[in-house]
ModelCIF file with pLDDT and N, C-alpha, C, O atoms, coordinates in Angstrom:
data_MODEL
#
_entry.id   MODEL 
#
_entity.id                         1 
_entity.type                       polymer 
_entity.pdbx_number_of_molecules   1 
#
_entity_poly.entity_id                      1 
_entity_poly.type                           'polypeptide(L)' 
_entity_poly.nstd_linkage                   no 
_entity_poly.nstd_monomer                   no 
_entity_poly.pdbx_seq_one_letter_code       
;(UNK)(UNK)(UNK)(UNK)(UNK)(UNK)(UNK)(UNK)(UNK)(UNK)(UNK)(UNK)(UNK)(UNK)(UNK)(UNK)
(UNK)(UNK)(UNK)(UNK)(UNK)(UNK)(UNK)(UNK)(UNK)(UNK)(UNK)(UNK)(UNK)(UNK)(UNK)(UNK)
(UNK)(UNK)(UNK)(UNK)(UNK)(UNK)(UNK)(UNK)(UNK)(UNK)(UNK)(UNK)(UNK)(UNK)(UNK)
;
_entity_poly.pdbx_seq_one_letter_code_can   XXXXXXXXXXXXXXXXXXXXXXXXXXXXXXXXXXXXXXXXXXXXXXX 
_entity_poly.pdbx_strand_id                 A 
#
loop_
_entity_poly_seq.entity_id 
_entity_poly_seq.num 
_entity_poly_seq.mon_id 
_entity_poly_seq.hetero 
1 1  UNK n 
1 2  UNK n 
1 3  UNK n 
1 4  UNK n 
1 5  UNK n 
1 6  UNK n 
1 7  UNK n 
1 8  UNK n 
1 9  UNK n 
1 10 UNK n 
1 11 UNK n 
1 12 UNK n 
1 13 UNK n 
1 14 UNK n 
1 15 UNK n 
1 16 UNK n 
1 17 UNK n 
1 18 UNK n 
1 19 UNK n 
1 20 UNK n 
1 21 UNK n 
1 22 UNK n 
1 23 UNK n 
1 24 UNK n 
1 25 UNK n 
1 26 UNK n 
1 27 UNK n 
1 28 UNK n 
1 29 UNK n 
1 30 UNK n 
1 31 UNK n 
1 32 UNK n 
1 33 UNK n 
1 34 UNK n 
1 35 UNK n 
1 36 UNK n 
1 37 UNK n 
1 38 UNK n 
1 39 UNK n 
1 40 UNK n 
1 41 UNK n 
1 42 UNK n 
1 43 UNK n 
1 44 UNK n 
1 45 UNK n 
1 46 UNK n 
1 47 UNK n 
#
_struct_asym.id          A 
_struct_asym.entity_id   1 
#
loop_
_ma_qa_metric.id 
_ma_qa_metric.mode 
_ma_qa_metric.name 
_ma_qa_metric.software_group_id 
_ma_qa_metric.type 
1 global pLDDT . pLDDT 
2 local  pLDDT . pLDDT 
#
_ma_qa_metric_global.metric_id      1 
_ma_qa_metric_global.metric_value   71.11 
_ma_qa_metric_global.model_id       1 
_ma_qa_metric_global.ordinal_id     1 
#
loop_
_ma_qa_metric_local.label_asym_id 
_ma_qa_metric_local.label_comp_id 
_ma_qa_metric_local.label_seq_id 
_ma_qa_metric_local.metric_id 
_ma_qa_metric_local.metric_value 
_ma_qa_metric_local.model_id 
_ma_qa_metric_local.ordinal_id 
A UNK 1  2 91.00 1 1  
A UNK 2  2 91.00 1 2  
A UNK 3  2 89.00 1 3  
A UNK 4  2 89.00 1 4  
A UNK 5  2 89.00 1 5  
A UNK 6  2 88.00 1 6  
A UNK 7  2 85.00 1 7  
A UNK 8  2 84.00 1 8  
A UNK 9  2 85.00 1 9  
A UNK 10 2 82.00 1 10 
A UNK 11 2 78.00 1 11 
A UNK 12 2 76.00 1 12 
A UNK 13 2 72.00 1 13 
A UNK 14 2 71.00 1 14 
A UNK 15 2 69.00 1 15 
A UNK 16 2 65.00 1 16 
A UNK 17 2 67.00 1 17 
A UNK 18 2 65.00 1 18 
A UNK 19 2 62.00 1 19 
A UNK 20 2 62.00 1 20 
A UNK 21 2 62.00 1 21 
A UNK 22 2 61.00 1 22 
A UNK 23 2 60.00 1 23 
A UNK 24 2 66.00 1 24 
A UNK 25 2 62.00 1 25 
A UNK 26 2 63.00 1 26 
A UNK 27 2 60.00 1 27 
A UNK 28 2 62.00 1 28 
A UNK 29 2 60.00 1 29 
A UNK 30 2 59.00 1 30 
A UNK 31 2 60.00 1 31 
A UNK 32 2 64.00 1 32 
A UNK 33 2 64.00 1 33 
A UNK 34 2 64.00 1 34 
A UNK 35 2 61.00 1 35 
A UNK 36 2 60.00 1 36 
A UNK 37 2 63.00 1 37 
A UNK 38 2 66.00 1 38 
A UNK 39 2 71.00 1 39 
A UNK 40 2 72.00 1 40 
A UNK 41 2 68.00 1 41 
A UNK 42 2 69.00 1 42 
A UNK 43 2 74.00 1 43 
A UNK 44 2 74.00 1 44 
A UNK 45 2 74.00 1 45 
A UNK 46 2 81.00 1 46 
A UNK 47 2 82.00 1 47 
#
loop_
_atom_site.group_PDB 
_atom_site.id 
_atom_site.type_symbol 
_atom_site.label_atom_id 
_atom_site.label_alt_id 
_atom_site.label_comp_id 
_atom_site.label_asym_id 
_atom_site.label_entity_id 
_atom_site.label_seq_id 
_atom_site.pdbx_PDB_ins_code 
_atom_site.Cartn_x 
_atom_site.Cartn_y 
_atom_site.Cartn_z 
_atom_site.occupancy 
_atom_site.B_iso_or_equiv 
_atom_site.pdbx_formal_charge 
_atom_site.auth_seq_id 
_atom_site.auth_comp_id 
_atom_site.auth_asym_id 
_atom_site.auth_atom_id 
_atom_site.pdbx_PDB_model_num 
ATOM 1   N N  . UNK A 1 1  ? -33.114 -9.839  -14.606 1.00 91.00 ? 1  UNK A N  1 
ATOM 2   C CA . UNK A 1 1  ? -32.192 -8.780  -14.115 1.00 91.00 ? 1  UNK A CA 1 
ATOM 3   C C  . UNK A 1 1  ? -32.226 -7.653  -13.571 1.00 91.00 ? 1  UNK A C  1 
ATOM 4   O O  . UNK A 1 1  ? -31.355 -6.797  -13.415 1.00 91.00 ? 1  UNK A O  1 
ATOM 5   N N  . UNK A 1 2  ? -34.222 -7.745  -13.044 1.00 91.00 ? 2  UNK A N  1 
ATOM 6   C CA . UNK A 1 2  ? -34.111 -7.366  -12.257 1.00 91.00 ? 2  UNK A CA 1 
ATOM 7   C C  . UNK A 1 2  ? -34.041 -7.349  -11.077 1.00 91.00 ? 2  UNK A C  1 
ATOM 8   O O  . UNK A 1 2  ? -34.060 -6.466  -10.219 1.00 91.00 ? 2  UNK A O  1 
ATOM 9   N N  . UNK A 1 3  ? -33.922 -8.862  -11.091 1.00 89.00 ? 3  UNK A N  1 
ATOM 10  C CA . UNK A 1 3  ? -34.538 -9.787  -9.692  1.00 89.00 ? 3  UNK A CA 1 
ATOM 11  C C  . UNK A 1 3  ? -32.469 -9.290  -9.038  1.00 89.00 ? 3  UNK A C  1 
ATOM 12  O O  . UNK A 1 3  ? -32.372 -8.952  -7.858  1.00 89.00 ? 3  UNK A O  1 
ATOM 13  N N  . UNK A 1 4  ? -30.914 -9.329  -10.051 1.00 89.00 ? 4  UNK A N  1 
ATOM 14  C CA . UNK A 1 4  ? -30.327 -9.712  -9.525  1.00 89.00 ? 4  UNK A CA 1 
ATOM 15  C C  . UNK A 1 4  ? -29.725 -7.865  -9.088  1.00 89.00 ? 4  UNK A C  1 
ATOM 16  O O  . UNK A 1 4  ? -28.749 -7.658  -8.366  1.00 89.00 ? 4  UNK A O  1 
ATOM 17  N N  . UNK A 1 5  ? -30.605 -6.706  -9.746  1.00 89.00 ? 5  UNK A N  1 
ATOM 18  C CA . UNK A 1 5  ? -30.499 -5.734  -9.775  1.00 89.00 ? 5  UNK A CA 1 
ATOM 19  C C  . UNK A 1 5  ? -31.109 -4.668  -8.399  1.00 89.00 ? 5  UNK A C  1 
ATOM 20  O O  . UNK A 1 5  ? -30.935 -3.489  -8.091  1.00 89.00 ? 5  UNK A O  1 
ATOM 21  N N  . UNK A 1 6  ? -31.996 -5.981  -7.750  1.00 88.00 ? 6  UNK A N  1 
ATOM 22  C CA . UNK A 1 6  ? -32.704 -5.411  -6.239  1.00 88.00 ? 6  UNK A CA 1 
ATOM 23  C C  . UNK A 1 6  ? -31.786 -5.722  -5.448  1.00 88.00 ? 6  UNK A C  1 
ATOM 24  O O  . UNK A 1 6  ? -31.484 -5.046  -4.465  1.00 88.00 ? 6  UNK A O  1 
ATOM 25  N N  . UNK A 1 7  ? -31.108 -7.030  -5.868  1.00 85.00 ? 7  UNK A N  1 
ATOM 26  C CA . UNK A 1 7  ? -30.628 -8.348  -4.725  1.00 85.00 ? 7  UNK A CA 1 
ATOM 27  C C  . UNK A 1 7  ? -29.099 -7.120  -4.511  1.00 85.00 ? 7  UNK A C  1 
ATOM 28  O O  . UNK A 1 7  ? -28.524 -7.200  -3.426  1.00 85.00 ? 7  UNK A O  1 
ATOM 29  N N  . UNK A 1 8  ? -28.549 -6.075  -5.554  1.00 84.00 ? 8  UNK A N  1 
ATOM 30  C CA . UNK A 1 8  ? -27.659 -5.564  -5.260  1.00 84.00 ? 8  UNK A CA 1 
ATOM 31  C C  . UNK A 1 8  ? -27.928 -4.822  -4.652  1.00 84.00 ? 8  UNK A C  1 
ATOM 32  O O  . UNK A 1 8  ? -27.500 -4.795  -3.498  1.00 84.00 ? 8  UNK A O  1 
ATOM 33  N N  . UNK A 1 9  ? -28.782 -3.847  -5.145  1.00 85.00 ? 9  UNK A N  1 
ATOM 34  C CA . UNK A 1 9  ? -29.155 -2.421  -4.025  1.00 85.00 ? 9  UNK A CA 1 
ATOM 35  C C  . UNK A 1 9  ? -29.463 -3.413  -2.911  1.00 85.00 ? 9  UNK A C  1 
ATOM 36  O O  . UNK A 1 9  ? -28.490 -3.455  -2.158  1.00 85.00 ? 9  UNK A O  1 
ATOM 37  N N  . UNK A 1 10 ? -30.804 -4.534  -2.364  1.00 82.00 ? 10 UNK A N  1 
ATOM 38  C CA . UNK A 1 10 ? -30.673 -4.787  -0.799  1.00 82.00 ? 10 UNK A CA 1 
ATOM 39  C C  . UNK A 1 10 ? -29.242 -4.779  -0.208  1.00 82.00 ? 10 UNK A C  1 
ATOM 40  O O  . UNK A 1 10 ? -28.995 -4.290  0.894   1.00 82.00 ? 10 UNK A O  1 
ATOM 41  N N  . UNK A 1 11 ? -27.973 -5.564  -1.308  1.00 78.00 ? 11 UNK A N  1 
ATOM 42  C CA . UNK A 1 11 ? -26.624 -5.671  -0.388  1.00 78.00 ? 11 UNK A CA 1 
ATOM 43  C C  . UNK A 1 11 ? -26.381 -4.539  -0.559  1.00 78.00 ? 11 UNK A C  1 
ATOM 44  O O  . UNK A 1 11 ? -27.329 -4.028  0.037   1.00 78.00 ? 11 UNK A O  1 
ATOM 45  N N  . UNK A 1 12 ? -25.624 -3.486  -1.056  1.00 76.00 ? 12 UNK A N  1 
ATOM 46  C CA . UNK A 1 12 ? -25.615 -1.860  -0.661  1.00 76.00 ? 12 UNK A CA 1 
ATOM 47  C C  . UNK A 1 12 ? -26.140 -1.240  0.474   1.00 76.00 ? 12 UNK A C  1 
ATOM 48  O O  . UNK A 1 12 ? -25.596 -0.357  1.137   1.00 76.00 ? 12 UNK A O  1 
ATOM 49  N N  . UNK A 1 13 ? -27.630 -1.943  0.725   1.00 72.00 ? 13 UNK A N  1 
ATOM 50  C CA . UNK A 1 13 ? -28.311 -1.225  2.134   1.00 72.00 ? 13 UNK A CA 1 
ATOM 51  C C  . UNK A 1 13 ? -27.037 -1.170  2.602   1.00 72.00 ? 13 UNK A C  1 
ATOM 52  O O  . UNK A 1 13 ? -26.078 -0.401  2.526   1.00 72.00 ? 13 UNK A O  1 
ATOM 53  N N  . UNK A 1 14 ? -27.355 -2.399  3.200   1.00 71.00 ? 14 UNK A N  1 
ATOM 54  C CA . UNK A 1 14 ? -26.363 -3.479  4.780   1.00 71.00 ? 14 UNK A CA 1 
ATOM 55  C C  . UNK A 1 14 ? -25.334 -2.644  4.821   1.00 71.00 ? 14 UNK A C  1 
ATOM 56  O O  . UNK A 1 14 ? -25.177 -1.970  5.839   1.00 71.00 ? 14 UNK A O  1 
ATOM 57  N N  . UNK A 1 15 ? -24.640 -2.551  3.978   1.00 69.00 ? 15 UNK A N  1 
ATOM 58  C CA . UNK A 1 15 ? -23.449 -2.043  3.969   1.00 69.00 ? 15 UNK A CA 1 
ATOM 59  C C  . UNK A 1 15 ? -22.786 -0.972  4.973   1.00 69.00 ? 15 UNK A C  1 
ATOM 60  O O  . UNK A 1 15 ? -22.507 0.038   4.328   1.00 69.00 ? 15 UNK A O  1 
ATOM 61  N N  . UNK A 1 16 ? -22.611 -0.910  5.654   1.00 65.00 ? 16 UNK A N  1 
ATOM 62  C CA . UNK A 1 16 ? -22.197 0.016   7.512   1.00 65.00 ? 16 UNK A CA 1 
ATOM 63  C C  . UNK A 1 16 ? -21.545 0.717   6.828   1.00 65.00 ? 16 UNK A C  1 
ATOM 64  O O  . UNK A 1 16 ? -20.569 0.511   6.106   1.00 65.00 ? 16 UNK A O  1 
ATOM 65  N N  . UNK A 1 17 ? -22.351 1.928   7.174   1.00 67.00 ? 17 UNK A N  1 
ATOM 66  C CA . UNK A 1 17 ? -21.377 3.180   6.934   1.00 67.00 ? 17 UNK A CA 1 
ATOM 67  C C  . UNK A 1 17 ? -19.939 3.524   6.922   1.00 67.00 ? 17 UNK A C  1 
ATOM 68  O O  . UNK A 1 17 ? -19.260 4.146   6.106   1.00 67.00 ? 17 UNK A O  1 
ATOM 69  N N  . UNK A 1 18 ? -19.528 2.690   8.563   1.00 65.00 ? 18 UNK A N  1 
ATOM 70  C CA . UNK A 1 18 ? -18.210 3.314   8.789   1.00 65.00 ? 18 UNK A CA 1 
ATOM 71  C C  . UNK A 1 18 ? -17.491 2.907   7.254   1.00 65.00 ? 18 UNK A C  1 
ATOM 72  O O  . UNK A 1 18 ? -16.888 3.721   6.554   1.00 65.00 ? 18 UNK A O  1 
ATOM 73  N N  . UNK A 1 19 ? -17.718 1.385   6.899   1.00 62.00 ? 19 UNK A N  1 
ATOM 74  C CA . UNK A 1 19 ? -16.308 1.201   5.653   1.00 62.00 ? 19 UNK A CA 1 
ATOM 75  C C  . UNK A 1 19 ? -16.608 2.204   4.937   1.00 62.00 ? 19 UNK A C  1 
ATOM 76  O O  . UNK A 1 19 ? -15.553 2.593   4.438   1.00 62.00 ? 19 UNK A O  1 
ATOM 77  N N  . UNK A 1 20 ? -17.607 2.959   4.545   1.00 62.00 ? 20 UNK A N  1 
ATOM 78  C CA . UNK A 1 20 ? -17.709 4.116   3.400   1.00 62.00 ? 20 UNK A CA 1 
ATOM 79  C C  . UNK A 1 20 ? -17.098 4.929   4.355   1.00 62.00 ? 20 UNK A C  1 
ATOM 80  O O  . UNK A 1 20 ? -15.923 4.577   4.259   1.00 62.00 ? 20 UNK A O  1 
ATOM 81  N N  . UNK A 1 21 ? -17.130 5.500   4.925   1.00 62.00 ? 21 UNK A N  1 
ATOM 82  C CA . UNK A 1 21 ? -15.881 6.748   5.507   1.00 62.00 ? 21 UNK A CA 1 
ATOM 83  C C  . UNK A 1 21 ? -14.224 5.874   5.605   1.00 62.00 ? 21 UNK A C  1 
ATOM 84  O O  . UNK A 1 21 ? -13.233 6.431   5.133   1.00 62.00 ? 21 UNK A O  1 
ATOM 85  N N  . UNK A 1 22 ? -14.143 4.786   6.123   1.00 61.00 ? 22 UNK A N  1 
ATOM 86  C CA . UNK A 1 22 ? -12.928 4.390   5.754   1.00 61.00 ? 22 UNK A CA 1 
ATOM 87  C C  . UNK A 1 22 ? -12.499 4.422   4.659   1.00 61.00 ? 22 UNK A C  1 
ATOM 88  O O  . UNK A 1 22 ? -11.278 4.268   4.627   1.00 61.00 ? 22 UNK A O  1 
ATOM 89  N N  . UNK A 1 23 ? -12.957 4.553   3.747   1.00 60.00 ? 23 UNK A N  1 
ATOM 90  C CA . UNK A 1 23 ? -12.728 4.409   3.019   1.00 60.00 ? 23 UNK A CA 1 
ATOM 91  C C  . UNK A 1 23 ? -12.489 5.642   2.252   1.00 60.00 ? 23 UNK A C  1 
ATOM 92  O O  . UNK A 1 23 ? -11.684 5.753   1.328   1.00 60.00 ? 23 UNK A O  1 
ATOM 93  N N  . UNK A 1 24 ? -12.982 6.225   2.550   1.00 66.00 ? 24 UNK A N  1 
ATOM 94  C CA . UNK A 1 24 ? -13.255 8.212   1.835   1.00 66.00 ? 24 UNK A CA 1 
ATOM 95  C C  . UNK A 1 24 ? -11.882 8.348   2.593   1.00 66.00 ? 24 UNK A C  1 
ATOM 96  O O  . UNK A 1 24 ? -11.396 9.394   2.161   1.00 66.00 ? 24 UNK A O  1 
ATOM 97  N N  . UNK A 1 25 ? -11.320 7.989   3.195   1.00 62.00 ? 25 UNK A N  1 
ATOM 98  C CA . UNK A 1 25 ? -10.008 8.505   4.580   1.00 62.00 ? 25 UNK A CA 1 
ATOM 99  C C  . UNK A 1 25 ? -8.878  7.820   4.184   1.00 62.00 ? 25 UNK A C  1 
ATOM 100 O O  . UNK A 1 25 ? -7.735  8.143   4.507   1.00 62.00 ? 25 UNK A O  1 
ATOM 101 N N  . UNK A 1 26 ? -9.284  6.541   3.239   1.00 63.00 ? 26 UNK A N  1 
ATOM 102 C CA . UNK A 1 26 ? -7.946  6.024   2.985   1.00 63.00 ? 26 UNK A CA 1 
ATOM 103 C C  . UNK A 1 26 ? -7.564  6.337   1.386   1.00 63.00 ? 26 UNK A C  1 
ATOM 104 O O  . UNK A 1 26 ? -6.687  5.686   0.819   1.00 63.00 ? 26 UNK A O  1 
ATOM 105 N N  . UNK A 1 27 ? -8.201  7.242   0.817   1.00 60.00 ? 27 UNK A N  1 
ATOM 106 C CA . UNK A 1 27 ? -8.316  8.113   -0.298  1.00 60.00 ? 27 UNK A CA 1 
ATOM 107 C C  . UNK A 1 27 ? -9.482  7.700   -2.009  1.00 60.00 ? 27 UNK A C  1 
ATOM 108 O O  . UNK A 1 27 ? -9.604  8.262   -3.097  1.00 60.00 ? 27 UNK A O  1 
ATOM 109 N N  . UNK A 1 28 ? -10.217 6.220   -1.250  1.00 62.00 ? 28 UNK A N  1 
ATOM 110 C CA . UNK A 1 28 ? -11.110 5.331   -2.532  1.00 62.00 ? 28 UNK A CA 1 
ATOM 111 C C  . UNK A 1 28 ? -12.076 6.541   -2.280  1.00 62.00 ? 28 UNK A C  1 
ATOM 112 O O  . UNK A 1 28 ? -12.571 6.970   -1.238  1.00 62.00 ? 28 UNK A O  1 
ATOM 113 N N  . UNK A 1 29 ? -12.188 6.999   -3.764  1.00 60.00 ? 29 UNK A N  1 
ATOM 114 C CA . UNK A 1 29 ? -12.896 7.931   -4.408  1.00 60.00 ? 29 UNK A CA 1 
ATOM 115 C C  . UNK A 1 29 ? -13.689 7.532   -5.137  1.00 60.00 ? 29 UNK A C  1 
ATOM 116 O O  . UNK A 1 29 ? -13.814 6.519   -4.448  1.00 60.00 ? 29 UNK A O  1 
ATOM 117 N N  . UNK A 1 30 ? -14.716 7.288   -6.310  1.00 59.00 ? 30 UNK A N  1 
ATOM 118 C CA . UNK A 1 30 ? -14.783 7.333   -7.701  1.00 59.00 ? 30 UNK A CA 1 
ATOM 119 C C  . UNK A 1 30 ? -14.981 5.864   -7.745  1.00 59.00 ? 30 UNK A C  1 
ATOM 120 O O  . UNK A 1 30 ? -15.354 5.524   -6.622  1.00 59.00 ? 30 UNK A O  1 
ATOM 121 N N  . UNK A 1 31 ? -14.891 4.757   -8.600  1.00 60.00 ? 31 UNK A N  1 
ATOM 122 C CA . UNK A 1 31 ? -14.616 3.810   -9.349  1.00 60.00 ? 31 UNK A CA 1 
ATOM 123 C C  . UNK A 1 31 ? -14.130 2.468   -8.781  1.00 60.00 ? 31 UNK A C  1 
ATOM 124 O O  . UNK A 1 31 ? -14.294 1.270   -9.009  1.00 60.00 ? 31 UNK A O  1 
ATOM 125 N N  . UNK A 1 32 ? -13.159 3.597   -7.558  1.00 64.00 ? 32 UNK A N  1 
ATOM 126 C CA . UNK A 1 32 ? -12.256 2.812   -6.472  1.00 64.00 ? 32 UNK A CA 1 
ATOM 127 C C  . UNK A 1 32 ? -13.294 2.103   -5.680  1.00 64.00 ? 32 UNK A C  1 
ATOM 128 O O  . UNK A 1 32 ? -13.723 0.950   -5.704  1.00 64.00 ? 32 UNK A O  1 
ATOM 129 N N  . UNK A 1 33 ? -13.666 3.576   -4.691  1.00 64.00 ? 33 UNK A N  1 
ATOM 130 C CA . UNK A 1 33 ? -14.339 3.178   -3.910  1.00 64.00 ? 33 UNK A CA 1 
ATOM 131 C C  . UNK A 1 33 ? -16.192 1.736   -4.532  1.00 64.00 ? 33 UNK A C  1 
ATOM 132 O O  . UNK A 1 33 ? -16.828 0.831   -3.994  1.00 64.00 ? 33 UNK A O  1 
ATOM 133 N N  . UNK A 1 34 ? -16.193 2.319   -5.603  1.00 64.00 ? 34 UNK A N  1 
ATOM 134 C CA . UNK A 1 34 ? -16.968 1.200   -5.133  1.00 64.00 ? 34 UNK A CA 1 
ATOM 135 C C  . UNK A 1 34 ? -16.564 -0.189  -5.919  1.00 64.00 ? 34 UNK A C  1 
ATOM 136 O O  . UNK A 1 34 ? -17.502 -0.978  -6.032  1.00 64.00 ? 34 UNK A O  1 
ATOM 137 N N  . UNK A 1 35 ? -15.241 -0.627  -6.509  1.00 61.00 ? 35 UNK A N  1 
ATOM 138 C CA . UNK A 1 35 ? -15.135 -1.663  -7.080  1.00 61.00 ? 35 UNK A CA 1 
ATOM 139 C C  . UNK A 1 35 ? -14.183 -1.724  -5.684  1.00 61.00 ? 35 UNK A C  1 
ATOM 140 O O  . UNK A 1 35 ? -15.305 -2.010  -5.267  1.00 61.00 ? 35 UNK A O  1 
ATOM 141 N N  . UNK A 1 36 ? -13.237 -1.744  -4.529  1.00 60.00 ? 36 UNK A N  1 
ATOM 142 C CA . UNK A 1 36 ? -12.337 -2.076  -4.002  1.00 60.00 ? 36 UNK A CA 1 
ATOM 143 C C  . UNK A 1 36 ? -13.540 -2.274  -2.277  1.00 60.00 ? 36 UNK A C  1 
ATOM 144 O O  . UNK A 1 36 ? -13.368 -3.233  -1.525  1.00 60.00 ? 36 UNK A O  1 
ATOM 145 N N  . UNK A 1 37 ? -14.521 -1.295  -2.026  1.00 63.00 ? 37 UNK A N  1 
ATOM 146 C CA . UNK A 1 37 ? -14.542 -1.290  -0.712  1.00 63.00 ? 37 UNK A CA 1 
ATOM 147 C C  . UNK A 1 37 ? -16.900 -1.069  -1.095  1.00 63.00 ? 37 UNK A C  1 
ATOM 148 O O  . UNK A 1 37 ? -17.782 -1.364  -0.288  1.00 63.00 ? 37 UNK A O  1 
ATOM 149 N N  . UNK A 1 38 ? -17.063 -0.573  -2.333  1.00 66.00 ? 38 UNK A N  1 
ATOM 150 C CA . UNK A 1 38 ? -18.395 -1.157  -1.424  1.00 66.00 ? 38 UNK A CA 1 
ATOM 151 C C  . UNK A 1 38 ? -19.057 -2.197  -2.382  1.00 66.00 ? 38 UNK A C  1 
ATOM 152 O O  . UNK A 1 38 ? -20.118 -2.622  -1.924  1.00 66.00 ? 38 UNK A O  1 
ATOM 153 N N  . UNK A 1 39 ? -18.589 -2.886  -3.988  1.00 71.00 ? 39 UNK A N  1 
ATOM 154 C CA . UNK A 1 39 ? -19.148 -4.295  -3.872  1.00 71.00 ? 39 UNK A CA 1 
ATOM 155 C C  . UNK A 1 39 ? -18.777 -5.093  -2.786  1.00 71.00 ? 39 UNK A C  1 
ATOM 156 O O  . UNK A 1 39 ? -19.636 -5.633  -2.089  1.00 71.00 ? 39 UNK A O  1 
ATOM 157 N N  . UNK A 1 40 ? -17.329 -5.245  -2.531  1.00 72.00 ? 40 UNK A N  1 
ATOM 158 C CA . UNK A 1 40 ? -16.887 -6.186  -1.591  1.00 72.00 ? 40 UNK A CA 1 
ATOM 159 C C  . UNK A 1 40 ? -17.505 -6.287  -0.525  1.00 72.00 ? 40 UNK A C  1 
ATOM 160 O O  . UNK A 1 40 ? -17.561 -7.465  -0.174  1.00 72.00 ? 40 UNK A O  1 
ATOM 161 N N  . UNK A 1 41 ? -18.268 -5.224  0.535   1.00 68.00 ? 41 UNK A N  1 
ATOM 162 C CA . UNK A 1 41 ? -18.560 -4.739  1.625   1.00 68.00 ? 41 UNK A CA 1 
ATOM 163 C C  . UNK A 1 41 ? -20.504 -5.601  0.821   1.00 68.00 ? 41 UNK A C  1 
ATOM 164 O O  . UNK A 1 41 ? -21.026 -6.395  1.602   1.00 68.00 ? 41 UNK A O  1 
ATOM 165 N N  . UNK A 1 42 ? -21.021 -5.440  -0.084  1.00 69.00 ? 42 UNK A N  1 
ATOM 166 C CA . UNK A 1 42 ? -21.876 -5.902  -0.296  1.00 69.00 ? 42 UNK A CA 1 
ATOM 167 C C  . UNK A 1 42 ? -22.197 -7.388  -0.916  1.00 69.00 ? 42 UNK A C  1 
ATOM 168 O O  . UNK A 1 42 ? -23.374 -7.724  -1.046  1.00 69.00 ? 42 UNK A O  1 
ATOM 169 N N  . UNK A 1 43 ? -21.574 -7.907  -1.140  1.00 74.00 ? 43 UNK A N  1 
ATOM 170 C CA . UNK A 1 43 ? -21.565 -9.042  -1.715  1.00 74.00 ? 43 UNK A CA 1 
ATOM 171 C C  . UNK A 1 43 ? -21.725 -9.718  -0.835  1.00 74.00 ? 43 UNK A C  1 
ATOM 172 O O  . UNK A 1 43 ? -21.811 -10.732 -1.528  1.00 74.00 ? 43 UNK A O  1 
ATOM 173 N N  . UNK A 1 44 ? -21.942 -10.354 0.875   1.00 74.00 ? 44 UNK A N  1 
ATOM 174 C CA . UNK A 1 44 ? -22.223 -11.664 1.337   1.00 74.00 ? 44 UNK A CA 1 
ATOM 175 C C  . UNK A 1 44 ? -24.572 -10.688 1.091   1.00 74.00 ? 44 UNK A C  1 
ATOM 176 O O  . UNK A 1 44 ? -25.522 -11.282 0.580   1.00 74.00 ? 44 UNK A O  1 
ATOM 177 N N  . UNK A 1 45 ? -24.585 -9.768  1.469   1.00 74.00 ? 45 UNK A N  1 
ATOM 178 C CA . UNK A 1 45 ? -26.061 -9.639  0.986   1.00 74.00 ? 45 UNK A CA 1 
ATOM 179 C C  . UNK A 1 45 ? -26.786 -9.734  -0.471  1.00 74.00 ? 45 UNK A C  1 
ATOM 180 O O  . UNK A 1 45 ? -27.955 -10.079 -0.646  1.00 74.00 ? 45 UNK A O  1 
ATOM 181 N N  . UNK A 1 46 ? -25.637 -9.269  -1.717  1.00 81.00 ? 46 UNK A N  1 
ATOM 182 C CA . UNK A 1 46 ? -26.375 -9.419  -2.948  1.00 81.00 ? 46 UNK A CA 1 
ATOM 183 C C  . UNK A 1 46 ? -25.781 -11.257 -3.859  1.00 81.00 ? 46 UNK A C  1 
ATOM 184 O O  . UNK A 1 46 ? -25.516 -11.704 -4.975  1.00 81.00 ? 46 UNK A O  1 
ATOM 185 N N  . UNK A 1 47 ? -25.834 -11.540 -2.927  1.00 82.00 ? 47 UNK A N  1 
ATOM 186 C CA . UNK A 1 47 ? -25.453 -13.654 -3.121  1.00 82.00 ? 47 UNK A CA 1 
ATOM 187 C C  . UNK A 1 47 ? -27.045 -13.876 -3.244  1.00 82.00 ? 47 UNK A C  1 
ATOM 188 O O  . UNK A 1 47 ? -27.501 -15.010 -3.390  1.00 82.00 ? 47 UNK A O  1 
#
């Protein structure tokens, strides 16, 4: 579990802020923002 948590955090840290701003502009917030913007963008680093 600790390795997976740190891997996910490392992937999130590599997400370009522009992706999050675009998601916010398109109305993504809360779980929708996490599900459709944050986690998919962090997936290559999270792998």
